[in-house]
Amino acid sequence: MEYEIVGTPLPAVICHLKKGEMMLSDSGAMAWMDPCMEMGTTSNGGIGKAFGRMFSGETMFLNTYTANGDGKIAFASSFPGEIRKYDIEPGKEIVVQKSAFLASEPTVERTTFFNKKAMTGIFGGEGFIMSKLSGKGTVFVEIDGATVEYELAPGQQIVVDTGYVAVMDATCTMTTQSVKGLKNKMLGGEGFFNTVVTGPGRVVLQTMPISAIAGTLAGLIGTGK
């Protein structure tokens, strides 16, 4: 499967498939395709995994697209930002924010990832439930805004504000820490908790999470601006 990523600030990935090749996507991700693409719907792993995806804020069923001849199919992002390609294989699993999955080869497995500490999900802002991508194959992930990437050494940490973690290697761990000082909590505007990602592994941060935009818009609406 060959591909090209086109367009800014709302990119799309165009996948060029050979006859018999297949792609999976969440509902609504397909933008355009050649007539040779045959669409289907699957729970991809059974009803249990389908409910797991629904519980994590993703679509319950996935769309399949099988090429009955050589042709192209495009999947478009839903928010200004970037589309990134990752090659998944055993030992190179990644964890992504929910709703980041755009499309993949059918050999990539998507499962629900629970953060180790419930406090991370309740207060950390990255969500108690994220998605873990494993198996073997190519996956395309959409990220809000631009990206900044860090490679963390074993035990090295980075402190991140709410919602800014887009992707991390499955070797990383995620916890929370309280913002120090009551004055900072009440007046600092950064909330009560920050997310702490600990290496080893890569972490990809996004510069414009949807959650931050939603909070800003809600504040403007509340003030009547």
N, C-alpha and C. Protein backbone atom coordinates (compact mmCIF):
# COMPACT_ATOMS: atom_id res chain seq x y z
N MET A 1 0.85 -1.19 0.00
CA MET A 1 0.00 0.00 0.00
C MET A 1 0.89 1.25 0.00
N GLU A 2 0.65 2.11 -0.97
CA GLU A 2 1.34 3.39 -1.03
C GLU A 2 0.37 4.48 -0.58
N TYR A 3 0.92 5.62 -0.14
CA TYR A 3 0.06 6.68 0.38
C TYR A 3 0.70 8.04 0.15
N GLU A 4 -0.11 9.08 0.24
CA GLU A 4 0.36 10.46 0.25
C GLU A 4 -0.54 11.27 1.16
N ILE A 5 0.05 12.18 1.94
CA ILE A 5 -0.69 13.06 2.83
C ILE A 5 -0.72 14.44 2.19
N VAL A 6 -1.91 14.99 1.99
CA VAL A 6 -2.06 16.25 1.26
C VAL A 6 -2.91 17.22 2.08
N GLY A 7 -2.72 18.51 1.78
CA GLY A 7 -3.60 19.54 2.33
C GLY A 7 -3.21 20.06 3.69
N THR A 8 -3.41 21.35 3.88
CA THR A 8 -3.30 22.02 5.17
C THR A 8 -4.33 23.14 5.20
N PRO A 9 -4.92 23.48 6.34
CA PRO A 9 -4.64 22.89 7.65
C PRO A 9 -5.52 21.67 7.97
N LEU A 10 -6.34 21.27 7.01
CA LEU A 10 -7.19 20.09 7.19
C LEU A 10 -6.72 19.00 6.23
N PRO A 11 -5.75 18.20 6.63
CA PRO A 11 -5.14 17.24 5.71
C PRO A 11 -5.99 16.01 5.47
N ALA A 12 -5.62 15.29 4.43
CA ALA A 12 -6.20 13.99 4.12
C ALA A 12 -5.07 13.07 3.71
N VAL A 13 -5.26 11.78 3.94
CA VAL A 13 -4.30 10.79 3.46
C VAL A 13 -4.95 10.00 2.33
N ILE A 14 -4.27 9.93 1.20
CA ILE A 14 -4.77 9.20 0.04
C ILE A 14 -3.99 7.88 -0.04
N CYS A 15 -4.70 6.78 0.09
CA CYS A 15 -4.09 5.45 0.07
C CYS A 15 -4.30 4.82 -1.30
N HIS A 16 -3.23 4.36 -1.92
CA HIS A 16 -3.29 3.70 -3.22
C HIS A 16 -3.19 2.19 -2.98
N LEU A 17 -4.29 1.50 -3.21
CA LEU A 17 -4.37 0.08 -2.89
C LEU A 17 -4.28 -0.78 -4.14
N LYS A 18 -3.64 -1.92 -3.97
CA LYS A 18 -3.65 -2.94 -5.00
C LYS A 18 -4.88 -3.83 -4.82
N LYS A 19 -5.25 -4.54 -5.85
CA LYS A 19 -6.40 -5.42 -5.77
C LYS A 19 -6.25 -6.40 -4.60
N GLY A 20 -7.30 -6.46 -3.77
CA GLY A 20 -7.32 -7.35 -2.62
C GLY A 20 -6.88 -6.70 -1.33
N GLU A 21 -6.22 -5.53 -1.39
CA GLU A 21 -5.81 -4.85 -0.17
C GLU A 21 -7.01 -4.20 0.50
N MET A 22 -6.92 -4.02 1.82
CA MET A 22 -8.06 -3.54 2.61
C MET A 22 -7.61 -2.48 3.60
N MET A 23 -8.51 -1.54 3.91
CA MET A 23 -8.29 -0.54 4.95
C MET A 23 -9.49 -0.52 5.88
N LEU A 24 -9.22 -0.19 7.15
CA LEU A 24 -10.27 0.01 8.15
C LEU A 24 -10.31 1.48 8.54
N SER A 25 -11.50 1.98 8.88
CA SER A 25 -11.62 3.34 9.38
C SER A 25 -12.84 3.46 10.27
N ASP A 26 -12.84 4.50 11.11
CA ASP A 26 -14.06 4.84 11.84
C ASP A 26 -15.08 5.38 10.86
N SER A 27 -16.33 5.34 11.25
CA SER A 27 -17.39 5.87 10.37
C SER A 27 -17.19 7.36 10.17
N GLY A 28 -17.39 7.80 8.95
CA GLY A 28 -17.28 9.22 8.62
C GLY A 28 -15.90 9.68 8.21
N ALA A 29 -14.89 8.79 8.25
CA ALA A 29 -13.52 9.21 7.93
C ALA A 29 -13.25 9.22 6.43
N MET A 30 -13.95 8.37 5.67
CA MET A 30 -13.71 8.30 4.23
C MET A 30 -14.17 9.59 3.55
N ALA A 31 -13.31 10.16 2.70
CA ALA A 31 -13.65 11.41 2.01
C ALA A 31 -13.98 11.17 0.54
N TRP A 32 -13.15 10.38 -0.17
CA TRP A 32 -13.46 10.02 -1.55
C TRP A 32 -12.73 8.73 -1.89
N MET A 33 -13.22 8.05 -2.94
CA MET A 33 -12.60 6.78 -3.33
C MET A 33 -12.98 6.44 -4.75
N ASP A 34 -12.20 5.53 -5.35
CA ASP A 34 -12.52 5.03 -6.68
C ASP A 34 -13.66 4.01 -6.59
N PRO A 35 -14.40 3.82 -7.68
CA PRO A 35 -15.54 2.88 -7.65
C PRO A 35 -15.16 1.44 -7.33
N CYS A 36 -13.89 1.09 -7.49
CA CYS A 36 -13.49 -0.30 -7.24
C CYS A 36 -13.42 -0.64 -5.76
N MET A 37 -13.60 0.35 -4.89
CA MET A 37 -13.55 0.09 -3.45
C MET A 37 -14.90 -0.43 -2.97
N GLU A 38 -14.89 -1.57 -2.32
CA GLU A 38 -16.12 -2.17 -1.80
C GLU A 38 -16.18 -1.93 -0.29
N MET A 39 -17.24 -1.29 0.15
CA MET A 39 -17.39 -0.95 1.57
C MET A 39 -18.14 -2.04 2.33
N GLY A 40 -17.72 -2.26 3.57
CA GLY A 40 -18.40 -3.17 4.48
C GLY A 40 -18.35 -2.60 5.89
N THR A 41 -19.01 -3.26 6.81
CA THR A 41 -19.02 -2.83 8.21
C THR A 41 -18.69 -4.02 9.10
N THR A 42 -17.85 -3.78 10.11
CA THR A 42 -17.43 -4.86 10.98
C THR A 42 -17.30 -4.39 12.42
N SER A 43 -17.44 -5.32 13.36
CA SER A 43 -17.18 -5.01 14.77
C SER A 43 -15.70 -5.18 15.08
N ASN A 44 -14.92 -5.79 14.15
CA ASN A 44 -13.47 -5.95 14.26
C ASN A 44 -13.05 -6.49 15.63
N GLY A 45 -13.36 -7.76 15.85
CA GLY A 45 -12.96 -8.38 17.12
C GLY A 45 -14.12 -8.83 17.96
N GLY A 46 -15.34 -8.65 17.45
CA GLY A 46 -16.49 -9.10 18.20
C GLY A 46 -17.21 -7.98 18.91
N ILE A 47 -18.38 -8.30 19.45
CA ILE A 47 -19.23 -7.29 20.07
C ILE A 47 -18.61 -6.71 21.32
N GLY A 48 -17.77 -7.53 22.01
CA GLY A 48 -17.11 -7.03 23.22
C GLY A 48 -16.19 -5.87 22.92
N LYS A 49 -15.35 -6.02 21.89
CA LYS A 49 -14.45 -4.94 21.51
C LYS A 49 -15.22 -3.75 20.95
N ALA A 50 -16.34 -4.03 20.28
CA ALA A 50 -17.15 -2.93 19.75
C ALA A 50 -17.69 -2.06 20.88
N PHE A 51 -18.18 -2.70 21.95
CA PHE A 51 -18.65 -1.94 23.10
C PHE A 51 -17.50 -1.22 23.80
N GLY A 52 -16.33 -1.85 23.80
CA GLY A 52 -15.15 -1.20 24.37
C GLY A 52 -14.81 0.09 23.64
N ARG A 53 -14.90 0.06 22.30
CA ARG A 53 -14.64 1.28 21.54
C ARG A 53 -15.69 2.34 21.83
N MET A 54 -16.94 1.94 21.94
CA MET A 54 -18.00 2.89 22.25
C MET A 54 -17.76 3.51 23.62
N PHE A 55 -17.33 2.69 24.59
CA PHE A 55 -17.07 3.17 25.95
C PHE A 55 -15.94 4.18 25.98
N SER A 56 -14.99 4.04 25.06
CA SER A 56 -13.85 4.95 25.03
C SER A 56 -14.11 6.19 24.17
N GLY A 57 -15.34 6.35 23.68
CA GLY A 57 -15.68 7.53 22.91
C GLY A 57 -15.45 7.40 21.43
N GLU A 58 -15.18 6.17 20.93
CA GLU A 58 -14.96 5.95 19.52
C GLU A 58 -16.19 5.31 18.90
N THR A 59 -16.17 5.14 17.58
CA THR A 59 -17.32 4.53 16.94
C THR A 59 -17.37 3.04 17.25
N MET A 60 -18.58 2.53 17.43
CA MET A 60 -18.75 1.14 17.84
C MET A 60 -18.35 0.18 16.72
N PHE A 61 -18.71 0.50 15.49
CA PHE A 61 -18.39 -0.35 14.35
C PHE A 61 -17.42 0.36 13.43
N LEU A 62 -16.64 -0.43 12.71
CA LEU A 62 -15.66 0.11 11.77
C LEU A 62 -16.10 -0.17 10.34
N ASN A 63 -15.70 0.72 9.45
CA ASN A 63 -15.94 0.50 8.03
C ASN A 63 -14.72 -0.18 7.41
N THR A 64 -14.97 -1.14 6.53
CA THR A 64 -13.90 -1.78 5.77
C THR A 64 -14.02 -1.38 4.32
N TYR A 65 -12.86 -1.21 3.68
CA TYR A 65 -12.82 -0.87 2.26
C TYR A 65 -11.85 -1.82 1.58
N THR A 66 -12.37 -2.65 0.68
CA THR A 66 -11.56 -3.65 -0.02
C THR A 66 -11.45 -3.26 -1.48
N ALA A 67 -10.24 -3.27 -2.00
CA ALA A 67 -10.01 -2.91 -3.39
C ALA A 67 -10.28 -4.11 -4.30
N ASN A 68 -11.30 -3.98 -5.15
CA ASN A 68 -11.59 -5.02 -6.15
C ASN A 68 -10.74 -4.84 -7.41
N GLY A 69 -9.95 -3.78 -7.40
CA GLY A 69 -9.00 -3.49 -8.46
C GLY A 69 -8.06 -2.43 -7.93
N ASP A 70 -7.02 -2.10 -8.66
CA ASP A 70 -6.11 -1.05 -8.21
C ASP A 70 -6.87 0.28 -8.16
N GLY A 71 -6.73 0.99 -7.05
CA GLY A 71 -7.45 2.26 -6.91
C GLY A 71 -7.04 3.01 -5.66
N LYS A 72 -7.69 4.14 -5.46
CA LYS A 72 -7.33 5.01 -4.34
C LYS A 72 -8.54 5.24 -3.44
N ILE A 73 -8.24 5.55 -2.17
CA ILE A 73 -9.25 5.93 -1.20
C ILE A 73 -8.62 6.96 -0.26
N ALA A 74 -9.37 8.00 0.09
CA ALA A 74 -8.85 9.08 0.91
C ALA A 74 -9.62 9.16 2.23
N PHE A 75 -8.87 9.41 3.30
CA PHE A 75 -9.45 9.60 4.63
C PHE A 75 -9.05 11.00 5.11
N ALA A 76 -10.04 11.80 5.54
CA ALA A 76 -9.79 13.20 5.88
C ALA A 76 -9.86 13.43 7.38
N SER A 77 -9.06 14.36 7.87
CA SER A 77 -9.08 14.74 9.28
C SER A 77 -10.34 15.55 9.58
N SER A 78 -10.69 15.61 10.84
CA SER A 78 -11.91 16.30 11.25
C SER A 78 -11.63 17.62 11.95
N PHE A 79 -10.33 17.97 12.10
CA PHE A 79 -9.95 19.18 12.84
C PHE A 79 -8.61 19.65 12.29
N PRO A 80 -8.34 20.97 12.28
CA PRO A 80 -7.04 21.43 11.76
C PRO A 80 -5.88 20.78 12.52
N GLY A 81 -4.91 20.28 11.77
CA GLY A 81 -3.79 19.63 12.43
C GLY A 81 -2.95 18.83 11.45
N GLU A 82 -2.48 17.68 11.91
CA GLU A 82 -1.59 16.83 11.12
C GLU A 82 -2.13 15.40 11.08
N ILE A 83 -1.75 14.70 10.02
CA ILE A 83 -1.95 13.25 9.94
C ILE A 83 -0.58 12.61 9.98
N ARG A 84 -0.39 11.64 10.87
CA ARG A 84 0.89 10.95 10.97
C ARG A 84 0.72 9.46 10.69
N LYS A 85 1.72 8.89 10.05
CA LYS A 85 1.74 7.45 9.77
C LYS A 85 2.65 6.77 10.78
N TYR A 86 2.17 5.65 11.33
CA TYR A 86 2.98 4.84 12.23
C TYR A 86 2.98 3.40 11.73
N ASP A 87 4.14 2.77 11.81
CA ASP A 87 4.27 1.35 11.48
C ASP A 87 4.27 0.57 12.79
N ILE A 88 3.21 -0.21 13.00
CA ILE A 88 3.04 -0.96 14.24
C ILE A 88 3.57 -2.37 14.05
N GLU A 89 4.27 -2.86 15.06
CA GLU A 89 4.72 -4.25 15.08
C GLU A 89 4.96 -4.64 16.53
N PRO A 90 5.08 -5.92 16.82
CA PRO A 90 5.32 -6.34 18.21
C PRO A 90 6.53 -5.63 18.80
N GLY A 91 6.36 -5.06 19.98
CA GLY A 91 7.42 -4.28 20.61
C GLY A 91 7.41 -2.81 20.25
N LYS A 92 6.56 -2.42 19.27
CA LYS A 92 6.46 -1.02 18.86
C LYS A 92 5.00 -0.57 18.88
N GLU A 93 4.29 -0.93 19.96
CA GLU A 93 2.91 -0.51 20.14
C GLU A 93 2.88 0.96 20.60
N ILE A 94 1.79 1.63 20.27
CA ILE A 94 1.62 3.02 20.71
C ILE A 94 0.26 3.19 21.38
N VAL A 95 0.17 4.25 22.18
CA VAL A 95 -1.09 4.64 22.83
C VAL A 95 -1.45 6.02 22.32
N VAL A 96 -2.70 6.22 21.90
CA VAL A 96 -3.13 7.48 21.31
C VAL A 96 -4.36 8.01 22.04
N GLN A 97 -4.56 9.31 21.93
CA GLN A 97 -5.77 9.91 22.48
C GLN A 97 -6.99 9.32 21.78
N LYS A 98 -8.10 9.24 22.49
CA LYS A 98 -9.30 8.71 21.84
C LYS A 98 -9.71 9.65 20.71
N SER A 99 -10.25 9.06 19.68
CA SER A 99 -10.67 9.74 18.45
C SER A 99 -9.50 10.12 17.56
N ALA A 100 -8.25 9.73 17.90
CA ALA A 100 -7.11 10.04 17.04
C ALA A 100 -7.00 9.06 15.88
N PHE A 101 -7.52 7.84 16.06
CA PHE A 101 -7.44 6.84 15.00
C PHE A 101 -8.19 7.32 13.76
N LEU A 102 -7.51 7.25 12.61
CA LEU A 102 -8.14 7.66 11.36
C LEU A 102 -8.40 6.46 10.45
N ALA A 103 -7.34 5.68 10.18
CA ALA A 103 -7.49 4.50 9.32
C ALA A 103 -6.28 3.61 9.51
N SER A 104 -6.42 2.34 9.14
CA SER A 104 -5.29 1.42 9.28
C SER A 104 -5.48 0.22 8.37
N GLU A 105 -4.41 -0.54 8.23
CA GLU A 105 -4.51 -1.86 7.62
C GLU A 105 -5.22 -2.78 8.61
N PRO A 106 -5.89 -3.82 8.12
CA PRO A 106 -6.71 -4.66 9.01
C PRO A 106 -5.90 -5.46 10.02
N THR A 107 -4.58 -5.55 9.84
CA THR A 107 -3.74 -6.31 10.75
C THR A 107 -3.35 -5.51 11.99
N VAL A 108 -3.73 -4.24 12.04
CA VAL A 108 -3.51 -3.42 13.24
C VAL A 108 -4.68 -3.61 14.19
N GLU A 109 -4.38 -3.93 15.44
CA GLU A 109 -5.41 -4.16 16.44
C GLU A 109 -5.55 -2.95 17.35
N ARG A 110 -6.78 -2.53 17.56
CA ARG A 110 -7.05 -1.38 18.43
C ARG A 110 -7.81 -1.86 19.65
N THR A 111 -7.25 -1.64 20.83
CA THR A 111 -7.87 -2.05 22.07
C THR A 111 -7.96 -0.88 23.03
N THR A 112 -8.79 -1.03 24.03
CA THR A 112 -8.96 0.01 25.04
C THR A 112 -7.78 -0.02 26.00
N PHE A 113 -7.21 1.14 26.26
CA PHE A 113 -6.07 1.27 27.17
C PHE A 113 -6.51 2.05 28.40
N PHE A 114 -6.38 1.42 29.55
CA PHE A 114 -6.72 2.07 30.81
C PHE A 114 -5.45 2.58 31.47
N ASN A 115 -5.44 3.85 31.84
CA ASN A 115 -4.31 4.37 32.59
C ASN A 115 -4.16 3.65 33.92
N LYS A 116 -2.92 3.52 34.37
CA LYS A 116 -2.65 2.73 35.56
C LYS A 116 -3.34 3.27 36.80
N LYS A 117 -3.44 4.58 36.89
CA LYS A 117 -4.04 5.19 38.07
C LYS A 117 -5.33 5.90 37.68
N ALA A 118 -6.40 5.62 38.40
CA ALA A 118 -7.69 6.25 38.09
C ALA A 118 -7.60 7.76 38.18
N MET A 119 -6.74 8.29 39.07
CA MET A 119 -6.60 9.73 39.21
C MET A 119 -6.16 10.37 37.89
N THR A 120 -5.38 9.63 37.09
CA THR A 120 -4.96 10.16 35.80
C THR A 120 -6.16 10.45 34.92
N GLY A 121 -7.10 9.52 34.90
CA GLY A 121 -8.27 9.70 34.05
C GLY A 121 -9.21 10.75 34.57
N ILE A 122 -9.36 10.82 35.88
CA ILE A 122 -10.33 11.76 36.45
C ILE A 122 -9.83 13.18 36.36
N PHE A 123 -8.52 13.38 36.62
CA PHE A 123 -8.00 14.74 36.72
C PHE A 123 -6.96 15.10 35.67
N GLY A 124 -6.38 14.12 35.02
CA GLY A 124 -5.25 14.41 34.15
C GLY A 124 -5.61 15.02 32.83
N GLY A 125 -6.85 14.85 32.40
CA GLY A 125 -7.27 15.48 31.17
C GLY A 125 -7.01 14.67 29.92
N GLU A 126 -6.18 13.64 29.98
CA GLU A 126 -5.91 12.83 28.80
C GLU A 126 -6.97 11.76 28.64
N GLY A 127 -7.83 11.60 29.64
CA GLY A 127 -8.89 10.61 29.57
C GLY A 127 -8.49 9.34 30.29
N PHE A 128 -9.38 8.81 31.08
CA PHE A 128 -9.10 7.55 31.75
C PHE A 128 -8.91 6.44 30.74
N ILE A 129 -9.59 6.55 29.61
CA ILE A 129 -9.51 5.54 28.57
C ILE A 129 -8.88 6.14 27.32
N MET A 130 -7.84 5.48 26.83
CA MET A 130 -7.22 5.85 25.57
C MET A 130 -7.24 4.62 24.66
N SER A 131 -6.58 4.68 23.54
CA SER A 131 -6.56 3.55 22.61
C SER A 131 -5.13 3.05 22.45
N LYS A 132 -4.97 1.73 22.52
CA LYS A 132 -3.67 1.11 22.27
C LYS A 132 -3.71 0.44 20.91
N LEU A 133 -2.69 0.73 20.09
CA LEU A 133 -2.60 0.16 18.75
C LEU A 133 -1.46 -0.84 18.72
N SER A 134 -1.80 -2.08 18.39
CA SER A 134 -0.82 -3.15 18.40
C SER A 134 -1.00 -4.01 17.15
N GLY A 135 -0.36 -5.17 17.13
CA GLY A 135 -0.41 -6.03 15.95
C GLY A 135 0.72 -5.71 15.00
N LYS A 136 0.42 -5.66 13.71
CA LYS A 136 1.45 -5.36 12.71
C LYS A 136 0.79 -4.72 11.49
N GLY A 137 1.30 -3.55 11.10
CA GLY A 137 0.74 -2.88 9.93
C GLY A 137 0.84 -1.37 10.06
N THR A 138 0.28 -0.69 9.08
CA THR A 138 0.32 0.76 9.00
C THR A 138 -0.96 1.36 9.58
N VAL A 139 -0.80 2.44 10.35
CA VAL A 139 -1.95 3.15 10.89
C VAL A 139 -1.74 4.64 10.68
N PHE A 140 -2.83 5.36 10.42
CA PHE A 140 -2.79 6.81 10.27
C PHE A 140 -3.55 7.43 11.43
N VAL A 141 -2.91 8.40 12.08
CA VAL A 141 -3.45 9.04 13.27
C VAL A 141 -3.59 10.52 13.01
N GLU A 142 -4.72 11.12 13.39
CA GLU A 142 -4.89 12.56 13.25
C GLU A 142 -4.62 13.24 14.58
N ILE A 143 -3.87 14.35 14.52
CA ILE A 143 -3.42 15.07 15.70
C ILE A 143 -3.88 16.52 15.59
N ASP A 144 -4.32 17.08 16.71
CA ASP A 144 -4.86 18.45 16.72
C ASP A 144 -3.72 19.47 16.70
N GLY A 145 -3.73 20.37 15.73
CA GLY A 145 -2.69 21.38 15.64
C GLY A 145 -1.39 20.81 15.13
N ALA A 146 -0.29 21.46 15.47
CA ALA A 146 1.04 20.98 15.12
C ALA A 146 1.54 20.01 16.19
N THR A 147 2.69 19.39 15.94
CA THR A 147 3.22 18.41 16.87
C THR A 147 4.62 18.77 17.32
N VAL A 148 4.93 18.37 18.56
CA VAL A 148 6.27 18.46 19.11
C VAL A 148 6.59 17.10 19.70
N GLU A 149 7.75 16.55 19.38
CA GLU A 149 8.07 15.18 19.77
C GLU A 149 9.30 15.15 20.66
N TYR A 150 9.24 14.33 21.71
CA TYR A 150 10.36 14.15 22.62
C TYR A 150 10.64 12.66 22.79
N GLU A 151 11.91 12.32 22.91
CA GLU A 151 12.33 10.96 23.21
C GLU A 151 12.80 10.95 24.66
N LEU A 152 12.05 10.26 25.52
CA LEU A 152 12.35 10.24 26.95
C LEU A 152 13.24 9.05 27.29
N ALA A 153 14.28 9.31 28.06
CA ALA A 153 15.13 8.24 28.56
C ALA A 153 14.42 7.52 29.71
N PRO A 154 14.90 6.34 30.10
CA PRO A 154 14.27 5.64 31.24
C PRO A 154 14.23 6.53 32.48
N GLY A 155 13.05 6.72 33.02
CA GLY A 155 12.88 7.54 34.21
C GLY A 155 12.74 9.03 33.93
N GLN A 156 13.05 9.46 32.71
CA GLN A 156 12.90 10.89 32.39
C GLN A 156 11.43 11.24 32.27
N GLN A 157 11.07 12.44 32.75
CA GLN A 157 9.67 12.83 32.79
C GLN A 157 9.45 14.15 32.06
N ILE A 158 8.21 14.33 31.61
CA ILE A 158 7.77 15.61 31.10
C ILE A 158 6.39 15.90 31.67
N VAL A 159 6.19 17.14 32.11
CA VAL A 159 4.92 17.56 32.71
C VAL A 159 4.12 18.29 31.64
N VAL A 160 2.88 17.85 31.43
CA VAL A 160 2.08 18.31 30.30
C VAL A 160 0.73 18.82 30.81
N ASP A 161 0.26 19.92 30.25
CA ASP A 161 -1.05 20.45 30.61
C ASP A 161 -2.14 19.58 30.00
N THR A 162 -3.34 19.79 30.48
CA THR A 162 -4.49 18.97 30.10
C THR A 162 -4.68 18.87 28.59
N GLY A 163 -4.76 17.63 28.10
CA GLY A 163 -5.15 17.38 26.73
C GLY A 163 -4.06 17.43 25.69
N TYR A 164 -2.82 17.74 26.08
CA TYR A 164 -1.78 17.95 25.08
C TYR A 164 -1.03 16.69 24.68
N VAL A 165 -1.24 15.56 25.36
CA VAL A 165 -0.61 14.31 24.96
C VAL A 165 -1.42 13.69 23.82
N ALA A 166 -0.80 13.54 22.65
CA ALA A 166 -1.48 12.97 21.50
C ALA A 166 -1.13 11.50 21.31
N VAL A 167 0.16 11.18 21.38
CA VAL A 167 0.65 9.83 21.13
C VAL A 167 1.81 9.57 22.08
N MET A 168 1.92 8.35 22.57
CA MET A 168 3.12 7.95 23.31
C MET A 168 3.38 6.47 23.06
N ASP A 169 4.66 6.11 23.13
CA ASP A 169 5.00 4.69 23.05
C ASP A 169 4.37 3.96 24.23
N ALA A 170 3.99 2.71 24.00
CA ALA A 170 3.38 1.93 25.07
C ALA A 170 4.34 1.64 26.21
N THR A 171 5.64 1.90 26.00
CA THR A 171 6.62 1.73 27.07
C THR A 171 6.59 2.87 28.07
N CYS A 172 5.95 3.99 27.72
CA CYS A 172 5.82 5.12 28.64
C CYS A 172 4.68 4.86 29.62
N THR A 173 4.73 5.55 30.75
CA THR A 173 3.64 5.51 31.72
C THR A 173 3.11 6.92 31.92
N MET A 174 1.85 7.00 32.33
CA MET A 174 1.19 8.28 32.52
C MET A 174 0.56 8.34 33.91
N THR A 175 0.88 9.40 34.65
CA THR A 175 0.29 9.63 35.96
C THR A 175 -0.07 11.11 36.07
N THR A 176 -0.47 11.55 37.24
CA THR A 176 -0.78 12.96 37.45
C THR A 176 -0.01 13.50 38.64
N GLN A 177 0.12 14.81 38.67
CA GLN A 177 0.64 15.48 39.86
C GLN A 177 -0.18 16.73 40.10
N SER A 178 -0.37 17.06 41.36
CA SER A 178 -1.15 18.23 41.74
C SER A 178 -0.34 19.50 41.51
N VAL A 179 -0.98 20.54 41.00
CA VAL A 179 -0.35 21.85 40.90
C VAL A 179 -0.09 22.36 42.32
N LYS A 180 1.13 22.79 42.58
CA LYS A 180 1.50 23.20 43.93
C LYS A 180 0.93 24.57 44.27
N GLY A 181 0.42 24.67 45.50
CA GLY A 181 -0.03 25.97 46.00
C GLY A 181 -1.48 26.25 45.68
N LEU A 182 -2.25 26.61 46.72
CA LEU A 182 -3.67 26.91 46.52
C LEU A 182 -3.86 28.10 45.58
N LYS A 183 -3.01 29.10 45.69
CA LYS A 183 -3.13 30.28 44.83
C LYS A 183 -2.93 29.90 43.37
N ASN A 184 -1.94 29.03 43.12
CA ASN A 184 -1.71 28.58 41.74
C ASN A 184 -2.91 27.80 41.21
N LYS A 185 -3.49 26.96 42.10
CA LYS A 185 -4.65 26.18 41.68
C LYS A 185 -5.83 27.08 41.32
N MET A 186 -6.09 28.06 42.17
CA MET A 186 -7.29 28.87 42.01
C MET A 186 -7.14 29.98 40.97
N LEU A 187 -5.93 30.53 40.86
CA LEU A 187 -5.74 31.71 40.01
C LEU A 187 -4.83 31.49 38.82
N GLY A 188 -4.15 30.36 38.78
CA GLY A 188 -3.16 30.14 37.72
C GLY A 188 -3.75 29.84 36.37
N GLY A 189 -5.01 29.38 36.34
CA GLY A 189 -5.65 29.10 35.06
C GLY A 189 -5.22 27.81 34.41
N GLU A 190 -4.43 26.98 35.10
CA GLU A 190 -3.96 25.72 34.53
C GLU A 190 -4.64 24.51 35.13
N GLY A 191 -5.64 24.73 35.98
CA GLY A 191 -6.33 23.62 36.61
C GLY A 191 -5.62 23.14 37.86
N PHE A 192 -6.11 22.04 38.42
CA PHE A 192 -5.58 21.51 39.67
C PHE A 192 -4.50 20.46 39.45
N PHE A 193 -4.49 19.82 38.29
CA PHE A 193 -3.59 18.71 38.05
C PHE A 193 -2.92 18.83 36.69
N ASN A 194 -1.70 18.29 36.60
CA ASN A 194 -0.99 18.14 35.34
C ASN A 194 -0.74 16.67 35.07
N THR A 195 -0.56 16.33 33.81
CA THR A 195 -0.22 14.98 33.41
C THR A 195 1.30 14.82 33.39
N VAL A 196 1.79 13.71 33.91
CA VAL A 196 3.22 13.42 33.91
C VAL A 196 3.47 12.15 33.09
N VAL A 197 4.25 12.27 32.03
CA VAL A 197 4.62 11.12 31.21
C VAL A 197 6.07 10.75 31.54
N THR A 198 6.29 9.46 31.83
CA THR A 198 7.61 8.97 32.21
C THR A 198 8.13 7.98 31.18
N GLY A 199 9.39 8.15 30.76
CA GLY A 199 10.00 7.25 29.80
C GLY A 199 10.43 5.94 30.41
N PRO A 200 10.87 5.02 29.56
CA PRO A 200 11.46 5.29 28.24
C PRO A 200 10.43 5.26 27.12
N GLY A 201 10.71 6.10 26.12
CA GLY A 201 9.87 6.08 24.93
C GLY A 201 9.63 7.46 24.38
N ARG A 202 8.94 7.46 23.26
CA ARG A 202 8.63 8.70 22.55
C ARG A 202 7.26 9.21 22.99
N VAL A 203 7.16 10.53 23.12
CA VAL A 203 5.86 11.16 23.38
C VAL A 203 5.66 12.28 22.37
N VAL A 204 4.49 12.33 21.79
CA VAL A 204 4.14 13.35 20.80
C VAL A 204 3.08 14.25 21.40
N LEU A 205 3.38 15.53 21.48
CA LEU A 205 2.45 16.52 22.04
C LEU A 205 1.81 17.30 20.91
N GLN A 206 0.56 17.70 21.13
CA GLN A 206 -0.18 18.48 20.13
C GLN A 206 -0.36 19.90 20.65
N THR A 207 -0.31 20.87 19.73
CA THR A 207 -0.32 22.27 20.15
C THR A 207 -1.71 22.87 20.27
N MET A 208 -2.74 22.18 19.74
CA MET A 208 -4.08 22.77 19.75
C MET A 208 -5.13 21.70 20.01
N PRO A 209 -5.17 21.12 21.21
CA PRO A 209 -6.17 20.07 21.48
C PRO A 209 -7.59 20.62 21.40
N ILE A 210 -8.49 19.78 20.92
CA ILE A 210 -9.89 20.18 20.81
C ILE A 210 -10.44 20.60 22.16
N SER A 211 -10.01 19.92 23.23
CA SER A 211 -10.52 20.25 24.57
C SER A 211 -10.18 21.68 24.96
N ALA A 212 -8.97 22.15 24.59
CA ALA A 212 -8.59 23.52 24.91
C ALA A 212 -9.41 24.53 24.11
N ILE A 213 -9.64 24.22 22.83
CA ILE A 213 -10.46 25.10 21.99
C ILE A 213 -11.88 25.18 22.54
N ALA A 214 -12.42 24.02 22.93
CA ALA A 214 -13.79 24.00 23.48
C ALA A 214 -13.88 24.83 24.74
N GLY A 215 -12.86 24.74 25.61
CA GLY A 215 -12.86 25.53 26.83
C GLY A 215 -12.81 27.02 26.56
N THR A 216 -12.00 27.41 25.57
CA THR A 216 -11.90 28.82 25.22
C THR A 216 -13.22 29.35 24.66
N LEU A 217 -13.84 28.57 23.77
CA LEU A 217 -15.12 28.98 23.20
C LEU A 217 -16.20 29.07 24.26
N ALA A 218 -16.19 28.12 25.19
CA ALA A 218 -17.19 28.15 26.27
C ALA A 218 -17.02 29.41 27.11
N GLY A 219 -15.77 29.79 27.36
CA GLY A 219 -15.52 31.00 28.14
C GLY A 219 -15.98 32.25 27.42
N LEU A 220 -15.76 32.30 26.11
CA LEU A 220 -16.21 33.46 25.33
C LEU A 220 -17.71 33.56 25.29
N ILE A 221 -18.38 32.40 25.14
CA ILE A 221 -19.84 32.40 25.13
C ILE A 221 -20.39 32.85 26.47
N GLY A 222 -19.72 32.41 27.55
CA GLY A 222 -20.17 32.78 28.88
C GLY A 222 -20.05 34.26 29.17
N THR A 223 -19.06 34.93 28.53
CA THR A 223 -18.88 36.36 28.74
C THR A 223 -19.63 37.21 27.73
N GLY A 224 -20.26 36.53 26.76
CA GLY A 224 -21.05 37.25 25.77
C GLY A 224 -20.23 37.87 24.65
N LYS A 225 -18.94 37.50 24.51
CA LYS A 225 -18.10 38.08 23.45
C LYS A 225 -18.39 37.40 22.12
